[in-house]
Amino acid sequence: MSLNDASTPHLPSDFTLLEGLYQLVVTGNTEEWEFERLNKAVYDGLLSTYGEGESADQTASIG
């Protein structure tokens, strides 16, 4: 268990969020409240990691 896991035991892992979202999409349950909740959690996580300001063009010009 990492230090991060010990401080936030009630938060699901990124893998768990993505797996749940994937399962809802595969079964076609994209109109449910659970899909909206997971979708928002995954989207918010991506924004916090990668930010809103960078586009694919900006990222490509860096490398």
PDB file of N, CA and C in Angstrom:
ATOM      1  N   MET A   1       0.846  -1.174   0.000  1.00  0.00           N
ATOM      2  CA  MET A   1       0.000   0.000   0.000  1.00  0.00           C
ATOM      3  C   MET A   1       0.888   1.233   0.000  1.00  0.00           C
ATOM      4  N   SER A   2       0.628   2.186  -0.892  1.00  0.00           N
ATOM      5  CA  SER A   2       1.413   3.401  -0.951  1.00  0.00           C
ATOM      6  C   SER A   2       0.891   4.418   0.044  1.00  0.00           C
ATOM      7  N   LEU A   3       1.659   5.460   0.260  1.00  0.00           N
ATOM      8  CA  LEU A   3       1.257   6.523   1.172  1.00  0.00           C
ATOM      9  C   LEU A   3      -0.036   7.168   0.693  1.00  0.00           C
ATOM     10  N   ASN A   4      -0.185   7.336  -0.609  1.00  0.00           N
ATOM     11  CA  ASN A   4      -1.394   7.926  -1.169  1.00  0.00           C
ATOM     12  C   ASN A   4      -2.616   7.068  -0.872  1.00  0.00           C
ATOM     13  N   ASP A   5      -2.469   5.755  -0.957  1.00  0.00           N
ATOM     14  CA  ASP A   5      -3.576   4.851  -0.669  1.00  0.00           C
ATOM     15  C   ASP A   5      -4.013   4.962   0.783  1.00  0.00           C
ATOM     16  N   ALA A   6      -3.064   5.137   1.680  1.00  0.00           N
ATOM     17  CA  ALA A   6      -3.377   5.215   3.107  1.00  0.00           C
ATOM     18  C   ALA A   6      -4.115   6.491   3.448  1.00  0.00           C
ATOM     19  N   SER A   7      -3.826   7.576   2.756  1.00  0.00           N
ATOM     20  CA  SER A   7      -4.456   8.853   3.081  1.00  0.00           C
ATOM     21  C   SER A   7      -5.845   8.999   2.478  1.00  0.00           C
ATOM     22  N   THR A   8      -6.149   8.260   1.411  1.00  0.00           N
ATOM     23  CA  THR A   8      -7.457   8.375   0.773  1.00  0.00           C
ATOM     24  C   THR A   8      -8.035   6.999   0.483  1.00  0.00           C
ATOM     25  N   PRO A   9      -8.372   6.226   1.508  1.00  0.00           N
ATOM     26  CA  PRO A   9      -8.852   4.859   1.273  1.00  0.00           C
ATOM     27  C   PRO A   9     -10.246   4.811   0.663  1.00  0.00           C
ATOM     28  N   HIS A  10     -11.018   5.875   0.759  1.00  0.00           N
ATOM     29  CA  HIS A  10     -12.383   5.870   0.257  1.00  0.00           C
ATOM     30  C   HIS A  10     -12.485   6.198  -1.222  1.00  0.00           C
ATOM     31  N   LEU A  11     -11.381   6.632  -1.848  1.00  0.00           N
ATOM     32  CA  LEU A  11     -11.399   6.980  -3.258  1.00  0.00           C
ATOM     33  C   LEU A  11     -11.030   5.770  -4.112  1.00  0.00           C
ATOM     34  N   PRO A  12     -11.821   5.505  -5.165  1.00  0.00           N
ATOM     35  CA  PRO A  12     -11.478   4.378  -6.046  1.00  0.00           C
ATOM     36  C   PRO A  12     -10.239   4.708  -6.880  1.00  0.00           C
ATOM     37  N   SER A  13      -9.533   3.678  -7.299  1.00  0.00           N
ATOM     38  CA  SER A  13      -8.350   3.886  -8.129  1.00  0.00           C
ATOM     39  C   SER A  13      -8.772   4.288  -9.543  1.00  0.00           C
ATOM     40  N   ASP A  14      -7.823   4.822 -10.295  1.00  0.00           N
ATOM     41  CA  ASP A  14      -8.086   5.198 -11.688  1.00  0.00           C
ATOM     42  C   ASP A  14      -8.535   3.974 -12.479  1.00  0.00           C
ATOM     43  N   PHE A  15      -7.884   2.845 -12.223  1.00  0.00           N
ATOM     44  CA  PHE A  15      -8.245   1.618 -12.935  1.00  0.00           C
ATOM     45  C   PHE A  15      -9.694   1.236 -12.649  1.00  0.00           C
ATOM     46  N   THR A  16     -10.100   1.316 -11.396  1.00  0.00           N
ATOM     47  CA  THR A  16     -11.471   0.961 -11.015  1.00  0.00           C
ATOM     48  C   THR A  16     -12.482   1.879 -11.695  1.00  0.00           C
ATOM     49  N   LEU A  17     -12.177   3.167 -11.745  1.00  0.00           N
ATOM     50  CA  LEU A  17     -13.070   4.114 -12.407  1.00  0.00           C
ATOM     51  C   LEU A  17     -13.203   3.795 -13.896  1.00  0.00           C
ATOM     52  N   LEU A  18     -12.068   3.561 -14.543  1.00  0.00           N
ATOM     53  CA  LEU A  18     -12.101   3.256 -15.979  1.00  0.00           C
ATOM     54  C   LEU A  18     -12.792   1.935 -16.266  1.00  0.00           C
ATOM     55  N   GLU A  19     -12.547   0.936 -15.425  1.00  0.00           N
ATOM     56  CA  GLU A  19     -13.191  -0.365 -15.613  1.00  0.00           C
ATOM     57  C   GLU A  19     -14.702  -0.247 -15.465  1.00  0.00           C
ATOM     58  N   GLY A  20     -15.149   0.498 -14.465  1.00  0.00           N
ATOM     59  CA  GLY A  20     -16.587   0.702 -14.275  1.00  0.00           C
ATOM     60  C   GLY A  20     -17.211   1.429 -15.445  1.00  0.00           C
ATOM     61  N   LEU A  21     -16.532   2.468 -15.925  1.00  0.00           N
ATOM     62  CA  LEU A  21     -17.038   3.227 -17.073  1.00  0.00           C
ATOM     63  C   LEU A  21     -17.096   2.340 -18.314  1.00  0.00           C
ATOM     64  N   TYR A  22     -16.047   1.554 -18.526  1.00  0.00           N
ATOM     65  CA  TYR A  22     -16.000   0.638 -19.663  1.00  0.00           C
ATOM     66  C   TYR A  22     -17.155  -0.372 -19.609  1.00  0.00           C
ATOM     67  N   GLN A  23     -17.384  -0.954 -18.454  1.00  0.00           N
ATOM     68  CA  GLN A  23     -18.449  -1.946 -18.320  1.00  0.00           C
ATOM     69  C   GLN A  23     -19.821  -1.329 -18.610  1.00  0.00           C
ATOM     70  N   LEU A  24     -20.042  -0.107 -18.177  1.00  0.00           N
ATOM     71  CA  LEU A  24     -21.317   0.541 -18.459  1.00  0.00           C
ATOM     72  C   LEU A  24     -21.484   0.808 -19.953  1.00  0.00           C
ATOM     73  N   VAL A  25     -20.405   1.193 -20.615  1.00  0.00           N
ATOM     74  CA  VAL A  25     -20.464   1.445 -22.058  1.00  0.00           C
ATOM     75  C   VAL A  25     -20.723   0.147 -22.814  1.00  0.00           C
ATOM     76  N   VAL A  26     -20.024  -0.915 -22.451  1.00  0.00           N
ATOM     77  CA  VAL A  26     -20.184  -2.203 -23.129  1.00  0.00           C
ATOM     78  C   VAL A  26     -21.618  -2.715 -23.008  1.00  0.00           C
ATOM     79  N   THR A  27     -22.217  -2.531 -21.837  1.00  0.00           N
ATOM     80  CA  THR A  27     -23.584  -3.009 -21.634  1.00  0.00           C
ATOM     81  C   THR A  27     -24.639  -2.024 -22.113  1.00  0.00           C
ATOM     82  N   GLY A  28     -24.199  -0.854 -22.593  1.00  0.00           N
ATOM     83  CA  GLY A  28     -25.135   0.126 -23.142  1.00  0.00           C
ATOM     84  C   GLY A  28     -25.843   0.978 -22.100  1.00  0.00           C
ATOM     85  N   ASN A  29     -25.335   1.005 -20.887  1.00  0.00           N
ATOM     86  CA  ASN A  29     -25.968   1.778 -19.818  1.00  0.00           C
ATOM     87  C   ASN A  29     -25.358   3.167 -19.696  1.00  0.00           C
ATOM     88  N   THR A  30     -25.433   3.929 -20.783  1.00  0.00           N
ATOM     89  CA  THR A  30     -24.826   5.258 -20.783  1.00  0.00           C
ATOM     90  C   THR A  30     -25.807   6.363 -20.411  1.00  0.00           C
ATOM     91  N   GLU A  31     -27.030   6.022 -20.128  1.00  0.00           N
ATOM     92  CA  GLU A  31     -28.034   7.012 -19.740  1.00  0.00           C
ATOM     93  C   GLU A  31     -28.305   6.981 -18.237  1.00  0.00           C
ATOM     94  N   GLU A  32     -27.540   6.207 -17.496  1.00  0.00           N
ATOM     95  CA  GLU A  32     -27.765   6.023 -16.066  1.00  0.00           C
ATOM     96  C   GLU A  32     -26.957   7.033 -15.254  1.00  0.00           C
ATOM     97  N   TRP A  33     -27.381   7.274 -14.017  1.00  0.00           N
ATOM     98  CA  TRP A  33     -26.677   8.195 -13.115  1.00  0.00           C
ATOM     99  C   TRP A  33     -25.269   7.700 -12.810  1.00  0.00           C
ATOM    100  N   GLU A  34     -25.093   6.379 -12.749  1.00  0.00           N
ATOM    101  CA  GLU A  34     -23.779   5.830 -12.433  1.00  0.00           C
ATOM    102  C   GLU A  34     -22.774   6.152 -13.543  1.00  0.00           C
ATOM    103  N   PHE A  35     -23.220   6.087 -14.800  1.00  0.00           N
ATOM    104  CA  PHE A  35     -22.353   6.441 -15.918  1.00  0.00           C
ATOM    105  C   PHE A  35     -21.942   7.903 -15.815  1.00  0.00           C
ATOM    106  N   GLU A  36     -22.897   8.777 -15.541  1.00  0.00           N
ATOM    107  CA  GLU A  36     -22.592  10.204 -15.426  1.00  0.00           C
ATOM    108  C   GLU A  36     -21.582  10.461 -14.309  1.00  0.00           C
ATOM    109  N   ARG A  37     -21.747   9.786 -13.181  1.00  0.00           N
ATOM    110  CA  ARG A  37     -20.839   9.960 -12.043  1.00  0.00           C
ATOM    111  C   ARG A  37     -19.429   9.492 -12.401  1.00  0.00           C
ATOM    112  N   LEU A  38     -19.320   8.299 -12.998  1.00  0.00           N
ATOM    113  CA  LEU A  38     -18.009   7.779 -13.374  1.00  0.00           C
ATOM    114  C   LEU A  38     -17.368   8.609 -14.484  1.00  0.00           C
ATOM    115  N   ASN A  39     -18.160   9.013 -15.454  1.00  0.00           N
ATOM    116  CA  ASN A  39     -17.655   9.823 -16.545  1.00  0.00           C
ATOM    117  C   ASN A  39     -17.074  11.132 -16.019  1.00  0.00           C
ATOM    118  N   LYS A  40     -17.781  11.773 -15.097  1.00  0.00           N
ATOM    119  CA  LYS A  40     -17.294  13.023 -14.509  1.00  0.00           C
ATOM    120  C   LYS A  40     -16.024  12.796 -13.711  1.00  0.00           C
ATOM    121  N   ALA A  41     -15.969  11.715 -12.945  1.00  0.00           N
ATOM    122  CA  ALA A  41     -14.771  11.418 -12.144  1.00  0.00           C
ATOM    123  C   ALA A  41     -13.554  11.197 -13.042  1.00  0.00           C
ATOM    124  N   VAL A  42     -13.726  10.443 -14.128  1.00  0.00           N
ATOM    125  CA  VAL A  42     -12.621  10.187 -15.058  1.00  0.00           C
ATOM    126  C   VAL A  42     -12.209  11.479 -15.759  1.00  0.00           C
ATOM    127  N   TYR A  43     -13.183  12.253 -16.222  1.00  0.00           N
ATOM    128  CA  TYR A  43     -12.897  13.512 -16.913  1.00  0.00           C
ATOM    129  C   TYR A  43     -12.173  14.488 -15.994  1.00  0.00           C
ATOM    130  N   ASP A  44     -12.653  14.624 -14.757  1.00  0.00           N
ATOM    131  CA  ASP A  44     -12.014  15.516 -13.792  1.00  0.00           C
ATOM    132  C   ASP A  44     -10.581  15.068 -13.492  1.00  0.00           C
ATOM    133  N   GLY A  45     -10.372  13.756 -13.410  1.00  0.00           N
ATOM    134  CA  GLY A  45      -9.029  13.236 -13.187  1.00  0.00           C
ATOM    135  C   GLY A  45      -8.094  13.553 -14.341  1.00  0.00           C
ATOM    136  N   LEU A  46      -8.592  13.427 -15.555  1.00  0.00           N
ATOM    137  CA  LEU A  46      -7.780  13.763 -16.732  1.00  0.00           C
ATOM    138  C   LEU A  46      -7.446  15.247 -16.760  1.00  0.00           C
ATOM    139  N   LEU A  47      -8.435  16.094 -16.442  1.00  0.00           N
ATOM    140  CA  LEU A  47      -8.180  17.534 -16.409  1.00  0.00           C
ATOM    141  C   LEU A  47      -7.156  17.896 -15.346  1.00  0.00           C
ATOM    142  N   SER A  48      -7.241  17.273 -14.189  1.00  0.00           N
ATOM    143  CA  SER A  48      -6.284  17.602 -13.132  1.00  0.00           C
ATOM    144  C   SER A  48      -4.880  17.129 -13.487  1.00  0.00           C
ATOM    145  N   THR A  49      -4.780  16.058 -14.259  1.00  0.00           N
ATOM    146  CA  THR A  49      -3.475  15.545 -14.648  1.00  0.00           C
ATOM    147  C   THR A  49      -2.891  16.292 -15.839  1.00  0.00           C
ATOM    148  N   TYR A  50      -3.700  16.523 -16.861  1.00  0.00           N
ATOM    149  CA  TYR A  50      -3.186  17.078 -18.109  1.00  0.00           C
ATOM    150  C   TYR A  50      -3.575  18.527 -18.345  1.00  0.00           C
ATOM    151  N   GLY A  51      -4.543  19.061 -17.621  1.00  0.00           N
ATOM    152  CA  GLY A  51      -4.957  20.441 -17.777  1.00  0.00           C
ATOM    153  C   GLY A  51      -5.867  20.648 -18.960  1.00  0.00           C
ATOM    154  N   GLU A  52      -6.422  21.847 -19.025  1.00  0.00           N
ATOM    155  CA  GLU A  52      -7.362  22.183 -20.096  1.00  0.00           C
ATOM    156  C   GLU A  52      -6.702  22.880 -21.269  1.00  0.00           C
ATOM    157  N   GLY A  53      -5.569  23.537 -21.053  1.00  0.00           N
ATOM    158  CA  GLY A  53      -5.008  24.440 -22.045  1.00  0.00           C
ATOM    159  C   GLY A  53      -4.267  23.805 -23.192  1.00  0.00           C
ATOM    160  N   GLU A  54      -3.808  22.582 -23.068  1.00  0.00           N
ATOM    161  CA  GLU A  54      -2.990  22.006 -24.131  1.00  0.00           C
ATOM    162  C   GLU A  54      -3.834  21.276 -25.154  1.00  0.00           C
ATOM    163  N   SER A  55      -3.529  21.508 -26.397  1.00  0.00           N
ATOM    164  CA  SER A  55      -4.188  20.793 -27.475  1.00  0.00           C
ATOM    165  C   SER A  55      -3.212  19.781 -28.063  1.00  0.00           C
ATOM    166  N   ALA A  56      -3.691  18.933 -28.929  1.00  0.00           N
ATOM    167  CA  ALA A  56      -2.836  17.934 -29.566  1.00  0.00           C
ATOM    168  C   ALA A  56      -1.741  18.615 -30.393  1.00  0.00           C
ATOM    169  N   ASP A  57      -2.058  19.749 -30.999  1.00  0.00           N
ATOM    170  CA  ASP A  57      -1.067  20.478 -31.812  1.00  0.00           C
ATOM    171  C   ASP A  57       0.062  20.998 -30.930  1.00  0.00           C
ATOM    172  N   GLN A  58      -0.260  21.536 -29.762  1.00  0.00           N
ATOM    173  CA  GLN A  58       0.767  22.061 -28.861  1.00  0.00           C
ATOM    174  C   GLN A  58       1.662  20.932 -28.370  1.00  0.00           C
ATOM    175  N   THR A  59       1.071  19.803 -28.021  1.00  0.00           N
ATOM    176  CA  THR A  59       1.834  18.672 -27.528  1.00  0.00           C
ATOM    177  C   THR A  59       2.742  18.127 -28.632  1.00  0.00           C
ATOM    178  N   ALA A  60       2.266  18.051 -29.871  1.00  0.00           N
ATOM    179  CA  ALA A  60       3.061  17.533 -30.980  1.00  0.00           C
ATOM    180  C   ALA A  60       4.236  18.440 -31.286  1.00  0.00           C
ATOM    181  N   SER A  61       4.083  19.763 -31.131  1.00  0.00           N
ATOM    182  CA  SER A  61       5.163  20.673 -31.458  1.00  0.00           C
ATOM    183  C   SER A  61       6.278  20.656 -30.414  1.00  0.00           C
ATOM    184  N   ILE A  62       5.966  20.156 -29.206  1.00  0.00           N
ATOM    185  CA  ILE A  62       6.993  20.077 -28.160  1.00  0.00           C
ATOM    186  C   ILE A  62       7.997  18.983 -28.496  1.00  0.00           C
ATOM    187  N   GLY A  63       7.518  17.831 -28.967  1.00  0.00           N
ATOM    188  CA  GLY A  63       8.392  16.684 -29.218  1.00  0.00           C
ATOM    189  C   GLY A  63       8.984  16.750 -30.530  1.00  0.00           C
TER     190      GLY A  63
END
